[in-house]
């Protein structure tokens, strides 16, 4: 891909991200869980938008997982444990402009399997 195509793909994702973030926000009891996907790793964080603080965060590098569906499931189970330690059982899922497909969907379904509601 050339630079022009990459710029337009990134611009489209950021446009989707802004549209999504205009509709959702998190609080201390119902935090927003934001997912970032790169070619090598996944990063997730639970955010309280009312105070602008991160309640807990985790990335796939810390648990030695790759950015594939199996790695996303492993990251989700580890992240669910951190959320339960923080006494959070319901979240608002922020897909960060990515399609709910593939790795992002695998992460979301694994969170649901670990009894985190959204």
PDB file of N, CA and C in Angstrom:
ATOM      1  N   UNK A   1       0.838  -1.176   0.000  1.00  0.00           N
ATOM      2  CA  UNK A   1       0.000   0.000   0.000  1.00  0.00           C
ATOM      3  C   UNK A   1       0.883   1.240   0.000  1.00  0.00           C
ATOM      4  N   UNK A   2       0.401   2.234  -0.675  1.00  0.00           N
ATOM      5  CA  UNK A   2       1.170   3.464  -0.683  1.00  0.00           C
ATOM      6  C   UNK A   2       0.726   4.372   0.462  1.00  0.00           C
ATOM      7  N   UNK A   3       1.441   5.461   0.644  1.00  0.00           N
ATOM      8  CA  UNK A   3       1.204   6.347   1.775  1.00  0.00           C
ATOM      9  C   UNK A   3      -0.178   6.985   1.732  1.00  0.00           C
ATOM     10  N   UNK A   4      -0.666   7.268   0.530  1.00  0.00           N
ATOM     11  CA  UNK A   4      -1.977   7.916   0.399  1.00  0.00           C
ATOM     12  C   UNK A   4      -3.098   7.000   0.895  1.00  0.00           C
ATOM     13  N   UNK A   5      -3.020   5.717   0.577  1.00  0.00           N
ATOM     14  CA  UNK A   5      -4.033   4.756   1.016  1.00  0.00           C
ATOM     15  C   UNK A   5      -3.974   4.587   2.533  1.00  0.00           C
ATOM     16  N   UNK A   6      -2.760   4.502   3.097  1.00  0.00           N
ATOM     17  CA  UNK A   6      -2.632   4.352   4.545  1.00  0.00           C
ATOM     18  C   UNK A   6      -3.181   5.566   5.286  1.00  0.00           C
ATOM     19  N   UNK A   7      -2.933   6.767   4.750  1.00  0.00           N
ATOM     20  CA  UNK A   7      -3.462   7.968   5.379  1.00  0.00           C
ATOM     21  C   UNK A   7      -4.980   7.974   5.375  1.00  0.00           C
ATOM     22  N   UNK A   8      -5.584   7.559   4.258  1.00  0.00           N
ATOM     23  CA  UNK A   8      -7.041   7.579   4.189  1.00  0.00           C
ATOM     24  C   UNK A   8      -7.649   6.504   5.095  1.00  0.00           C
ATOM     25  N   UNK A   9      -6.997   5.349   5.217  1.00  0.00           N
ATOM     26  CA  UNK A   9      -7.505   4.310   6.119  1.00  0.00           C
ATOM     27  C   UNK A   9      -7.457   4.790   7.566  1.00  0.00           C
ATOM     28  N   UNK A  10      -6.344   5.445   7.949  1.00  0.00           N
ATOM     29  CA  UNK A  10      -6.225   5.972   9.299  1.00  0.00           C
ATOM     30  C   UNK A  10      -7.229   7.095   9.531  1.00  0.00           C
ATOM     31  N   UNK A  11      -7.399   7.964   8.553  1.00  0.00           N
ATOM     32  CA  UNK A  11      -8.355   9.061   8.688  1.00  0.00           C
ATOM     33  C   UNK A  11      -9.773   8.530   8.842  1.00  0.00           C
ATOM     34  N   UNK A  12     -10.127   7.490   8.098  1.00  0.00           N
ATOM     35  CA  UNK A  12     -11.461   6.903   8.220  1.00  0.00           C
ATOM     36  C   UNK A  12     -11.669   6.275   9.592  1.00  0.00           C
ATOM     37  N   UNK A  13     -10.635   5.583  10.121  1.00  0.00           N
ATOM     38  CA  UNK A  13     -10.750   4.985  11.453  1.00  0.00           C
ATOM     39  C   UNK A  13     -10.912   6.058  12.515  1.00  0.00           C
ATOM     40  N   UNK A  14     -10.150   7.146  12.406  1.00  0.00           N
ATOM     41  CA  UNK A  14     -10.264   8.222  13.384  1.00  0.00           C
ATOM     42  C   UNK A  14     -11.620   8.907  13.311  1.00  0.00           C
ATOM     43  N   UNK A  15     -12.200   8.993  12.113  1.00  0.00           N
ATOM     44  CA  UNK A  15     -13.541   9.555  11.961  1.00  0.00           C
ATOM     45  C   UNK A  15     -14.570   8.656  12.652  1.00  0.00           C
ATOM     46  N   UNK A  16     -14.428   7.337  12.455  1.00  0.00           N
ATOM     47  CA  UNK A  16     -15.322   6.393  13.135  1.00  0.00           C
ATOM     48  C   UNK A  16     -15.143   6.479  14.646  1.00  0.00           C
ATOM     49  N   UNK A  17     -13.895   6.621  15.094  1.00  0.00           N
ATOM     50  CA  UNK A  17     -13.605   6.715  16.523  1.00  0.00           C
ATOM     51  C   UNK A  17     -14.293   7.924  17.151  1.00  0.00           C
ATOM     52  N   UNK A  18     -14.206   9.079  16.503  1.00  0.00           N
ATOM     53  CA  UNK A  18     -14.854  10.284  17.021  1.00  0.00           C
ATOM     54  C   UNK A  18     -16.366  10.124  17.064  1.00  0.00           C
ATOM     55  N   UNK A  19     -16.934   9.486  16.048  1.00  0.00           N
ATOM     56  CA  UNK A  19     -18.378   9.276  16.005  1.00  0.00           C
ATOM     57  C   UNK A  19     -18.829   8.367  17.149  1.00  0.00           C
ATOM     58  N   UNK A  20     -18.049   7.328  17.431  1.00  0.00           N
ATOM     59  CA  UNK A  20     -18.378   6.407  18.516  1.00  0.00           C
ATOM     60  C   UNK A  20     -18.237   7.091  19.869  1.00  0.00           C
ATOM     61  N   UNK A  21     -17.129   7.829  20.055  1.00  0.00           N
ATOM     62  CA  UNK A  21     -16.861   8.457  21.348  1.00  0.00           C
ATOM     63  C   UNK A  21     -17.848   9.570  21.674  1.00  0.00           C
ATOM     64  N   UNK A  22     -18.525  10.107  20.663  1.00  0.00           N
ATOM     65  CA  UNK A  22     -19.542  11.123  20.922  1.00  0.00           C
ATOM     66  C   UNK A  22     -20.758  10.512  21.606  1.00  0.00           C
ATOM     67  N   UNK A  23     -20.923   9.202  21.460  1.00  0.00           N
ATOM     68  CA  UNK A  23     -22.113   8.533  21.984  1.00  0.00           C
ATOM     69  C   UNK A  23     -21.878   7.790  23.288  1.00  0.00           C
ATOM     70  N   UNK A  24     -20.626   7.433  23.614  1.00  0.00           N
ATOM     71  CA  UNK A  24     -20.368   6.631  24.811  1.00  0.00           C
ATOM     72  C   UNK A  24     -19.404   7.346  25.744  1.00  0.00           C
ATOM     73  N   UNK A  25     -19.520   7.049  27.027  1.00  0.00           N
ATOM     74  CA  UNK A  25     -18.542   7.494  28.014  1.00  0.00           C
ATOM     75  C   UNK A  25     -18.655   6.567  29.210  1.00  0.00           C
ATOM     76  N   UNK A  26     -17.643   6.574  30.037  1.00  0.00           N
ATOM     77  CA  UNK A  26     -17.610   5.684  31.190  1.00  0.00           C
ATOM     78  C   UNK A  26     -17.582   6.463  32.488  1.00  0.00           C
ATOM     79  N   UNK A  27     -17.870   5.761  33.568  1.00  0.00           N
ATOM     80  CA  UNK A  27     -17.783   6.346  34.906  1.00  0.00           C
ATOM     81  C   UNK A  27     -17.117   5.318  35.812  1.00  0.00           C
ATOM     82  N   UNK A  28     -17.010   5.600  37.084  1.00  0.00           N
ATOM     83  CA  UNK A  28     -16.295   4.708  37.987  1.00  0.00           C
ATOM     84  C   UNK A  28     -16.997   3.349  38.122  1.00  0.00           C
ATOM     85  N   UNK A  29     -18.321   3.352  38.114  1.00  0.00           N
ATOM     86  CA  UNK A  29     -19.042   2.090  38.269  1.00  0.00           C
ATOM     87  C   UNK A  29     -19.246   1.364  36.945  1.00  0.00           C
ATOM     88  N   UNK A  30     -19.214   2.101  35.839  1.00  0.00           N
ATOM     89  CA  UNK A  30     -19.403   1.531  34.501  1.00  0.00           C
ATOM     90  C   UNK A  30     -18.322   2.100  33.580  1.00  0.00           C
ATOM     91  N   UNK A  31     -17.077   1.602  33.700  1.00  0.00           N
ATOM     92  CA  UNK A  31     -15.984   2.203  32.926  1.00  0.00           C
ATOM     93  C   UNK A  31     -16.051   1.848  31.450  1.00  0.00           C
ATOM     94  N   UNK A  32     -15.402   2.687  30.656  1.00  0.00           N
ATOM     95  CA  UNK A  32     -15.271   2.454  29.220  1.00  0.00           C
ATOM     96  C   UNK A  32     -14.003   1.645  29.006  1.00  0.00           C
ATOM     97  N   UNK A  33     -14.122   0.504  28.316  1.00  0.00           N
ATOM     98  CA  UNK A  33     -12.967  -0.330  28.012  1.00  0.00           C
ATOM     99  C   UNK A  33     -12.581  -0.074  26.563  1.00  0.00           C
ATOM    100  N   UNK A  34     -11.415   0.532  26.381  1.00  0.00           N
ATOM    101  CA  UNK A  34     -10.930   0.895  25.063  1.00  0.00           C
ATOM    102  C   UNK A  34      -9.893  -0.124  24.603  1.00  0.00           C
ATOM    103  N   UNK A  35     -10.030  -0.562  23.346  1.00  0.00           N
ATOM    104  CA  UNK A  35      -9.137  -1.562  22.758  1.00  0.00           C
ATOM    105  C   UNK A  35      -8.286  -0.882  21.694  1.00  0.00           C
ATOM    106  N   UNK A  36      -6.970  -1.091  21.756  1.00  0.00           N
ATOM    107  CA  UNK A  36      -6.081  -0.633  20.695  1.00  0.00           C
ATOM    108  C   UNK A  36      -5.420  -1.853  20.079  1.00  0.00           C
ATOM    109  N   UNK A  37      -5.441  -1.904  18.756  1.00  0.00           N
ATOM    110  CA  UNK A  37      -4.913  -3.052  18.026  1.00  0.00           C
ATOM    111  C   UNK A  37      -3.780  -2.578  17.133  1.00  0.00           C
ATOM    112  N   UNK A  38      -2.625  -3.228  17.262  1.00  0.00           N
ATOM    113  CA  UNK A  38      -1.537  -2.989  16.328  1.00  0.00           C
ATOM    114  C   UNK A  38      -1.224  -4.315  15.634  1.00  0.00           C
ATOM    115  N   UNK A  39      -0.227  -4.321  14.780  1.00  0.00           N
ATOM    116  CA  UNK A  39       0.118  -5.561  14.095  1.00  0.00           C
ATOM    117  C   UNK A  39       0.702  -6.600  15.042  1.00  0.00           C
ATOM    118  N   UNK A  40       1.336  -6.173  16.123  1.00  0.00           N
ATOM    119  CA  UNK A  40       2.009  -7.108  17.031  1.00  0.00           C
ATOM    120  C   UNK A  40       1.278  -7.328  18.353  1.00  0.00           C
ATOM    121  N   UNK A  41       0.620  -6.303  18.869  1.00  0.00           N
ATOM    122  CA  UNK A  41       0.069  -6.382  20.219  1.00  0.00           C
ATOM    123  C   UNK A  41      -1.345  -5.810  20.281  1.00  0.00           C
ATOM    124  N   UNK A  42      -2.014  -6.156  21.367  1.00  0.00           N
ATOM    125  CA  UNK A  42      -3.299  -5.564  21.734  1.00  0.00           C
ATOM    126  C   UNK A  42      -3.118  -4.863  23.070  1.00  0.00           C
ATOM    127  N   UNK A  43      -3.764  -3.731  23.232  1.00  0.00           N
ATOM    128  CA  UNK A  43      -3.742  -3.020  24.499  1.00  0.00           C
ATOM    129  C   UNK A  43      -5.175  -2.682  24.875  1.00  0.00           C
ATOM    130  N   UNK A  44      -5.495  -2.835  26.147  1.00  0.00           N
ATOM    131  CA  UNK A  44      -6.830  -2.497  26.640  1.00  0.00           C
ATOM    132  C   UNK A  44      -6.690  -1.711  27.927  1.00  0.00           C
ATOM    133  N   UNK A  45      -7.643  -0.828  28.152  1.00  0.00           N
ATOM    134  CA  UNK A  45      -7.664  -0.087  29.400  1.00  0.00           C
ATOM    135  C   UNK A  45      -9.094   0.259  29.776  1.00  0.00           C
ATOM    136  N   UNK A  46      -9.371   0.256  31.065  1.00  0.00           N
ATOM    137  CA  UNK A  46     -10.669   0.651  31.601  1.00  0.00           C
ATOM    138  C   UNK A  46     -10.549   2.097  32.060  1.00  0.00           C
ATOM    139  N   UNK A  47     -11.393   2.962  31.527  1.00  0.00           N
ATOM    140  CA  UNK A  47     -11.253   4.397  31.728  1.00  0.00           C
ATOM    141  C   UNK A  47     -12.492   4.967  32.397  1.00  0.00           C
ATOM    142  N   UNK A  48     -12.274   5.793  33.422  1.00  0.00           N
ATOM    143  CA  UNK A  48     -13.339   6.570  34.050  1.00  0.00           C
ATOM    144  C   UNK A  48     -13.300   7.954  33.412  1.00  0.00           C
ATOM    145  N   UNK A  49     -14.224   8.231  32.504  1.00  0.00           N
ATOM    146  CA  UNK A  49     -14.218   9.497  31.772  1.00  0.00           C
ATOM    147  C   UNK A  49     -14.639  10.679  32.635  1.00  0.00           C
ATOM    148  N   UNK A  50     -15.347  10.435  33.728  1.00  0.00           N
ATOM    149  CA  UNK A  50     -15.783  11.530  34.589  1.00  0.00           C
ATOM    150  C   UNK A  50     -14.583  12.213  35.252  1.00  0.00           C
ATOM    151  N   UNK A  51     -13.594  11.423  35.662  1.00  0.00           N
ATOM    152  CA  UNK A  51     -12.397  11.996  36.288  1.00  0.00           C
ATOM    153  C   UNK A  51     -11.190  11.973  35.367  1.00  0.00           C
ATOM    154  N   UNK A  52     -11.297  11.277  34.239  1.00  0.00           N
ATOM    155  CA  UNK A  52     -10.185  11.212  33.298  1.00  0.00           C
ATOM    156  C   UNK A  52      -9.056  10.314  33.754  1.00  0.00           C
ATOM    157  N   UNK A  53      -9.386   9.240  34.474  1.00  0.00           N
ATOM    158  CA  UNK A  53      -8.354   8.343  34.988  1.00  0.00           C
ATOM    159  C   UNK A  53      -8.523   6.946  34.408  1.00  0.00           C
ATOM    160  N   UNK A  54      -7.413   6.234  34.352  1.00  0.00           N
ATOM    161  CA  UNK A  54      -7.416   4.845  33.921  1.00  0.00           C
ATOM    162  C   UNK A  54      -7.509   3.965  35.156  1.00  0.00           C
ATOM    163  N   UNK A  55      -8.522   3.120  35.219  1.00  0.00           N
ATOM    164  CA  UNK A  55      -8.719   2.257  36.376  1.00  0.00           C
ATOM    165  C   UNK A  55      -7.781   1.053  36.339  1.00  0.00           C
ATOM    166  N   UNK A  56      -7.647   0.427  35.178  1.00  0.00           N
ATOM    167  CA  UNK A  56      -6.699  -0.660  35.003  1.00  0.00           C
ATOM    168  C   UNK A  56      -6.384  -0.792  33.515  1.00  0.00           C
ATOM    169  N   UNK A  57      -5.192  -1.302  33.237  1.00  0.00           N
ATOM    170  CA  UNK A  57      -4.749  -1.435  31.849  1.00  0.00           C
ATOM    171  C   UNK A  57      -3.901  -2.689  31.726  1.00  0.00           C
ATOM    172  N   UNK A  58      -3.864  -3.225  30.509  1.00  0.00           N
ATOM    173  CA  UNK A  58      -3.084  -4.433  30.250  1.00  0.00           C
ATOM    174  C   UNK A  58      -2.800  -4.501  28.760  1.00  0.00           C
ATOM    175  N   UNK A  59      -1.646  -5.045  28.406  1.00  0.00           N
ATOM    176  CA  UNK A  59      -1.364  -5.279  26.993  1.00  0.00           C
ATOM    177  C   UNK A  59      -0.895  -6.705  26.793  1.00  0.00           C
ATOM    178  N   UNK A  60      -0.948  -7.145  25.558  1.00  0.00           N
ATOM    179  CA  UNK A  60      -0.636  -8.540  25.272  1.00  0.00           C
ATOM    180  C   UNK A  60       0.853  -8.832  25.417  1.00  0.00           C
ATOM    181  N   UNK A  61       1.690  -7.820  25.353  1.00  0.00           N
ATOM    182  CA  UNK A  61       3.124  -8.016  25.547  1.00  0.00           C
ATOM    183  C   UNK A  61       3.420  -8.449  26.982  1.00  0.00           C
ATOM    184  N   UNK A  62       2.660  -7.917  27.935  1.00  0.00           N
ATOM    185  CA  UNK A  62       2.875  -8.236  29.343  1.00  0.00           C
ATOM    186  C   UNK A  62       2.546  -9.691  29.665  1.00  0.00           C
ATOM    187  N   UNK A  63       1.633 -10.292  28.900  1.00  0.00           N
ATOM    188  CA  UNK A  63       1.272 -11.683  29.162  1.00  0.00           C
ATOM    189  C   UNK A  63       1.804 -12.627  28.094  1.00  0.00           C
ATOM    190  N   UNK A  64       2.710 -12.128  27.261  1.00  0.00           N
ATOM    191  CA  UNK A  64       3.354 -12.915  26.196  1.00  0.00           C
ATOM    192  C   UNK A  64       2.351 -13.519  25.225  1.00  0.00           C
ATOM    193  N   UNK A  65       1.430 -12.697  24.755  1.00  0.00           N
ATOM    194  CA  UNK A  65       0.440 -13.144  23.785  1.00  0.00           C
ATOM    195  C   UNK A  65       0.590 -12.342  22.504  1.00  0.00           C
ATOM    196  N   UNK A  66       0.177 -12.931  21.402  1.00  0.00           N
ATOM    197  CA  UNK A  66       0.243 -12.254  20.112  1.00  0.00           C
ATOM    198  C   UNK A  66      -1.080 -11.555  19.824  1.00  0.00           C
ATOM    199  N   UNK A  67      -1.106 -10.792  18.749  1.00  0.00           N
ATOM    200  CA  UNK A  67      -2.311 -10.071  18.359  1.00  0.00           C
ATOM    201  C   UNK A  67      -3.149 -10.918  17.418  1.00  0.00           C
ATOM    202  N   UNK A  68      -3.524 -12.116  17.876  1.00  0.00           N
ATOM    203  CA  UNK A  68      -4.425 -12.964  17.106  1.00  0.00           C
ATOM    204  C   UNK A  68      -5.608 -13.330  18.002  1.00  0.00           C
ATOM    205  N   UNK A  69      -6.507 -14.148  17.505  1.00  0.00           N
ATOM    206  CA  UNK A  69      -7.716 -14.455  18.267  1.00  0.00           C
ATOM    207  C   UNK A  69      -7.405 -15.184  19.570  1.00  0.00           C
ATOM    208  N   UNK A  70      -6.433 -16.096  19.549  1.00  0.00           N
ATOM    209  CA  UNK A  70      -6.074 -16.816  20.775  1.00  0.00           C
ATOM    210  C   UNK A  70      -5.444 -15.859  21.783  1.00  0.00           C
ATOM    211  N   UNK A  71      -4.599 -14.969  21.302  1.00  0.00           N
ATOM    212  CA  UNK A  71      -3.996 -13.970  22.181  1.00  0.00           C
ATOM    213  C   UNK A  71      -5.026 -13.019  22.752  1.00  0.00           C
ATOM    214  N   UNK A  72      -6.021 -12.675  21.948  1.00  0.00           N
ATOM    215  CA  UNK A  72      -7.090 -11.793  22.411  1.00  0.00           C
ATOM    216  C   UNK A  72      -7.902 -12.473  23.514  1.00  0.00           C
ATOM    217  N   UNK A  73      -8.146 -13.758  23.374  1.00  0.00           N
ATOM    218  CA  UNK A  73      -8.888 -14.487  24.409  1.00  0.00           C
ATOM    219  C   UNK A  73      -8.082 -14.557  25.702  1.00  0.00           C
ATOM    220  N   UNK A  74      -6.779 -14.788  25.584  1.00  0.00           N
ATOM    221  CA  UNK A  74      -5.928 -14.827  26.779  1.00  0.00           C
ATOM    222  C   UNK A  74      -5.867 -13.461  27.450  1.00  0.00           C
ATOM    223  N   UNK A  75      -5.768 -12.417  26.652  1.00  0.00           N
ATOM    224  CA  UNK A  75      -5.740 -11.061  27.194  1.00  0.00           C
ATOM    225  C   UNK A  75      -7.060 -10.727  27.878  1.00  0.00           C
ATOM    226  N   UNK A  76      -8.159 -11.153  27.295  1.00  0.00           N
ATOM    227  CA  UNK A  76      -9.477 -10.876  27.879  1.00  0.00           C
ATOM    228  C   UNK A  76      -9.651 -11.567  29.221  1.00  0.00           C
ATOM    229  N   UNK A  77      -9.191 -12.798  29.335  1.00  0.00           N
ATOM    230  CA  UNK A  77      -9.334 -13.488  30.623  1.00  0.00           C
ATOM    231  C   UNK A  77      -8.463 -12.839  31.692  1.00  0.00           C
ATOM    232  N   UNK A  78      -7.242 -12.410  31.333  1.00  0.00           N
ATOM    233  CA  UNK A  78      -6.382 -11.728  32.301  1.00  0.00           C
ATOM    234  C   UNK A  78      -6.959 -10.359  32.670  1.00  0.00           C
ATOM    235  N   UNK A  79      -7.514  -9.668  31.686  1.00  0.00           N
ATOM    236  CA  UNK A  79      -8.100  -8.354  31.939  1.00  0.00           C
ATOM    237  C   UNK A  79      -9.372  -8.466  32.782  1.00  0.00           C
ATOM    238  N   UNK A  80     -10.138  -9.529  32.574  1.00  0.00           N
ATOM    239  CA  UNK A  80     -11.349  -9.755  33.373  1.00  0.00           C
ATOM    240  C   UNK A  80     -10.986  -9.950  34.845  1.00  0.00           C
ATOM    241  N   UNK A  81      -9.878 -10.627  35.104  1.00  0.00           N
ATOM    242  CA  UNK A  81      -9.429 -10.800  36.488  1.00  0.00           C
ATOM    243  C   UNK A  81      -9.075  -9.449  37.114  1.00  0.00           C
ATOM    244  N   UNK A  82      -8.401  -8.581  36.342  1.00  0.00           N
ATOM    245  CA  UNK A  82      -8.058  -7.254  36.858  1.00  0.00           C
ATOM    246  C   UNK A  82      -9.314  -6.427  37.114  1.00  0.00           C
ATOM    247  N   UNK A  83     -10.315  -6.566  36.239  1.00  0.00           N
ATOM    248  CA  UNK A  83     -11.569  -5.837  36.440  1.00  0.00           C
ATOM    249  C   UNK A  83     -12.295  -6.335  37.685  1.00  0.00           C
ATOM    250  N   UNK A  84     -12.265  -7.647  37.905  1.00  0.00           N
ATOM    251  CA  UNK A  84     -12.929  -8.198  39.089  1.00  0.00           C
ATOM    252  C   UNK A  84     -12.224  -7.765  40.364  1.00  0.00           C
ATOM    253  N   UNK A  85     -10.888  -7.622  40.317  1.00  0.00           N
ATOM    254  CA  UNK A  85     -10.150  -7.102  41.473  1.00  0.00           C
ATOM    255  C   UNK A  85     -10.556  -5.665  41.769  1.00  0.00           C
ATOM    256  N   UNK A  86     -10.863  -4.903  40.714  1.00  0.00           N
ATOM    257  CA  UNK A  86     -11.307  -3.517  40.871  1.00  0.00           C
ATOM    258  C   UNK A  86     -12.805  -3.431  41.147  1.00  0.00           C
ATOM    259  N   UNK A  87     -13.456  -4.578  41.326  1.00  0.00           N
ATOM    260  CA  UNK A  87     -14.888  -4.671  41.637  1.00  0.00           C
ATOM    261  C   UNK A  87     -15.763  -4.077  40.533  1.00  0.00           C
ATOM    262  N   UNK A  88     -15.414  -4.418  39.287  1.00  0.00           N
ATOM    263  CA  UNK A  88     -16.185  -3.984  38.123  1.00  0.00           C
ATOM    264  C   UNK A  88     -16.719  -5.224  37.428  1.00  0.00           C
ATOM    265  N   UNK A  89     -18.043  -5.275  37.199  1.00  0.00           N
ATOM    266  CA  UNK A  89     -18.607  -6.427  36.500  1.00  0.00           C
ATOM    267  C   UNK A  89     -19.366  -6.024  35.235  1.00  0.00           C
ATOM    268  N   UNK A  90     -19.551  -4.715  35.005  1.00  0.00           N
ATOM    269  CA  UNK A  90     -20.196  -4.213  33.794  1.00  0.00           C
ATOM    270  C   UNK A  90     -19.337  -3.107  33.202  1.00  0.00           C
ATOM    271  N   UNK A  91     -19.268  -3.080  31.872  1.00  0.00           N
ATOM    272  CA  UNK A  91     -18.429  -2.101  31.188  1.00  0.00           C
ATOM    273  C   UNK A  91     -19.173  -1.520  29.998  1.00  0.00           C
ATOM    274  N   UNK A  92     -18.608  -0.471  29.418  1.00  0.00           N
ATOM    275  CA  UNK A  92     -19.013   0.061  28.126  1.00  0.00           C
ATOM    276  C   UNK A  92     -17.864  -0.262  27.190  1.00  0.00           C
ATOM    277  N   UNK A  93     -18.123  -0.988  26.116  1.00  0.00           N
ATOM    278  CA  UNK A  93     -17.068  -1.451  25.212  1.00  0.00           C
ATOM    279  C   UNK A  93     -16.816  -0.411  24.132  1.00  0.00           C
ATOM    280  N   UNK A  94     -15.574   0.068  24.049  1.00  0.00           N
ATOM    281  CA  UNK A  94     -15.162   1.032  23.037  1.00  0.00           C
ATOM    282  C   UNK A  94     -14.228   0.322  22.070  1.00  0.00           C
ATOM    283  N   UNK A  95     -14.712   0.089  20.849  1.00  0.00           N
ATOM    284  CA  UNK A  95     -13.901  -0.644  19.869  1.00  0.00           C
ATOM    285  C   UNK A  95     -12.899   0.256  19.172  1.00  0.00           C
ATOM    286  N   UNK A  96     -12.908   1.552  19.503  1.00  0.00           N
ATOM    287  CA  UNK A  96     -11.872   2.489  19.091  1.00  0.00           C
ATOM    288  C   UNK A  96     -11.815   2.683  17.579  1.00  0.00           C
ATOM    289  N   UNK A  97     -12.938   2.583  16.901  1.00  0.00           N
ATOM    290  CA  UNK A  97     -12.986   2.792  15.458  1.00  0.00           C
ATOM    291  C   UNK A  97     -12.740   1.541  14.638  1.00  0.00           C
ATOM    292  N   UNK A  98     -12.356   0.443  15.278  1.00  0.00           N
ATOM    293  CA  UNK A  98     -12.137  -0.807  14.558  1.00  0.00           C
ATOM    294  C   UNK A  98     -13.474  -1.513  14.356  1.00  0.00           C
ATOM    295  N   UNK A  99     -13.554  -2.353  13.331  1.00  0.00           N
ATOM    296  CA  UNK A  99     -14.757  -3.145  13.140  1.00  0.00           C
ATOM    297  C   UNK A  99     -14.852  -4.195  14.235  1.00  0.00           C
ATOM    298  N   UNK A 100     -16.072  -4.519  14.659  1.00  0.00           N
ATOM    299  CA  UNK A 100     -16.269  -5.585  15.637  1.00  0.00           C
ATOM    300  C   UNK A 100     -16.178  -6.899  14.879  1.00  0.00           C
ATOM    301  N   UNK A 101     -14.948  -7.283  14.581  1.00  0.00           N
ATOM    302  CA  UNK A 101     -14.682  -8.435  13.736  1.00  0.00           C
ATOM    303  C   UNK A 101     -13.286  -8.928  14.057  1.00  0.00           C
ATOM    304  N   UNK A 102     -13.059 -10.216  13.942  1.00  0.00           N
ATOM    305  CA  UNK A 102     -11.711 -10.756  14.117  1.00  0.00           C
ATOM    306  C   UNK A 102     -11.221 -10.662  15.547  1.00  0.00           C
ATOM    307  N   UNK A 103     -10.082 -10.004  15.736  1.00  0.00           N
ATOM    308  CA  UNK A 103      -9.424  -9.929  17.038  1.00  0.00           C
ATOM    309  C   UNK A 103     -10.260  -9.128  18.036  1.00  0.00           C
ATOM    310  N   UNK A 104     -10.854  -8.031  17.597  1.00  0.00           N
ATOM    311  CA  UNK A 104     -11.653  -7.200  18.493  1.00  0.00           C
ATOM    312  C   UNK A 104     -12.888  -7.968  18.958  1.00  0.00           C
ATOM    313  N   UNK A 105     -13.526  -8.692  18.056  1.00  0.00           N
ATOM    314  CA  UNK A 105     -14.693  -9.503  18.421  1.00  0.00           C
ATOM    315  C   UNK A 105     -14.295 -10.660  19.327  1.00  0.00           C
ATOM    316  N   UNK A 106     -13.143 -11.268  19.067  1.00  0.00           N
ATOM    317  CA  UNK A 106     -12.671 -12.367  19.925  1.00  0.00           C
ATOM    318  C   UNK A 106     -12.419 -11.861  21.338  1.00  0.00           C
ATOM    319  N   UNK A 107     -11.871 -10.652  21.456  1.00  0.00           N
ATOM    320  CA  UNK A 107     -11.649 -10.062  22.779  1.00  0.00           C
ATOM    321  C   UNK A 107     -12.983  -9.817  23.483  1.00  0.00           C
ATOM    322  N   UNK A 108     -13.947  -9.247  22.771  1.00  0.00           N
ATOM    323  CA  UNK A 108     -15.249  -8.965  23.365  1.00  0.00           C
ATOM    324  C   UNK A 108     -15.980 -10.223  23.801  1.00  0.00           C
ATOM    325  N   UNK A 109     -15.954 -11.247  22.964  1.00  0.00           N
ATOM    326  CA  UNK A 109     -16.638 -12.497  23.317  1.00  0.00           C
ATOM    327  C   UNK A 109     -15.954 -13.189  24.500  1.00  0.00           C
ATOM    328  N   UNK A 110     -14.644 -13.092  24.576  1.00  0.00           N
ATOM    329  CA  UNK A 110     -13.933 -13.695  25.708  1.00  0.00           C
ATOM    330  C   UNK A 110     -14.227 -12.934  26.999  1.00  0.00           C
ATOM    331  N   UNK A 111     -14.416 -11.612  26.916  1.00  0.00           N
ATOM    332  CA  UNK A 111     -14.818 -10.856  28.100  1.00  0.00           C
ATOM    333  C   UNK A 111     -16.189 -11.309  28.573  1.00  0.00           C
ATOM    334  N   UNK A 112     -17.108 -11.500  27.624  1.00  0.00           N
ATOM    335  CA  UNK A 112     -18.440 -11.979  27.999  1.00  0.00           C
ATOM    336  C   UNK A 112     -18.378 -13.370  28.614  1.00  0.00           C
ATOM    337  N   UNK A 113     -17.489 -14.223  28.084  1.00  0.00           N
ATOM    338  CA  UNK A 113     -17.338 -15.571  28.628  1.00  0.00           C
ATOM    339  C   UNK A 113     -16.786 -15.535  30.053  1.00  0.00           C
ATOM    340  N   UNK A 114     -16.045 -14.487  30.385  1.00  0.00           N
ATOM    341  CA  UNK A 114     -15.507 -14.331  31.737  1.00  0.00           C
ATOM    342  C   UNK A 114     -16.418 -13.499  32.629  1.00  0.00           C
ATOM    343  N   UNK A 115     -17.694 -13.421  32.279  1.00  0.00           N
ATOM    344  CA  UNK A 115     -18.750 -12.811  33.074  1.00  0.00           C
ATOM    345  C   UNK A 115     -18.587 -11.309  33.271  1.00  0.00           C
ATOM    346  N   UNK A 116     -18.095 -10.632  32.241  1.00  0.00           N
ATOM    347  CA  UNK A 116     -18.095  -9.169  32.216  1.00  0.00           C
ATOM    348  C   UNK A 116     -19.191  -8.750  31.251  1.00  0.00           C
ATOM    349  N   UNK A 117     -20.158  -7.974  31.735  1.00  0.00           N
ATOM    350  CA  UNK A 117     -21.313  -7.597  30.912  1.00  0.00           C
ATOM    351  C   UNK A 117     -21.074  -6.284  30.199  1.00  0.00           C
ATOM    352  N   UNK A 118     -21.501  -6.240  28.950  1.00  0.00           N
ATOM    353  CA  UNK A 118     -21.555  -4.979  28.211  1.00  0.00           C
ATOM    354  C   UNK A 118     -22.594  -5.053  27.138  1.00  0.00           C
TER     355      UNK A 118
END
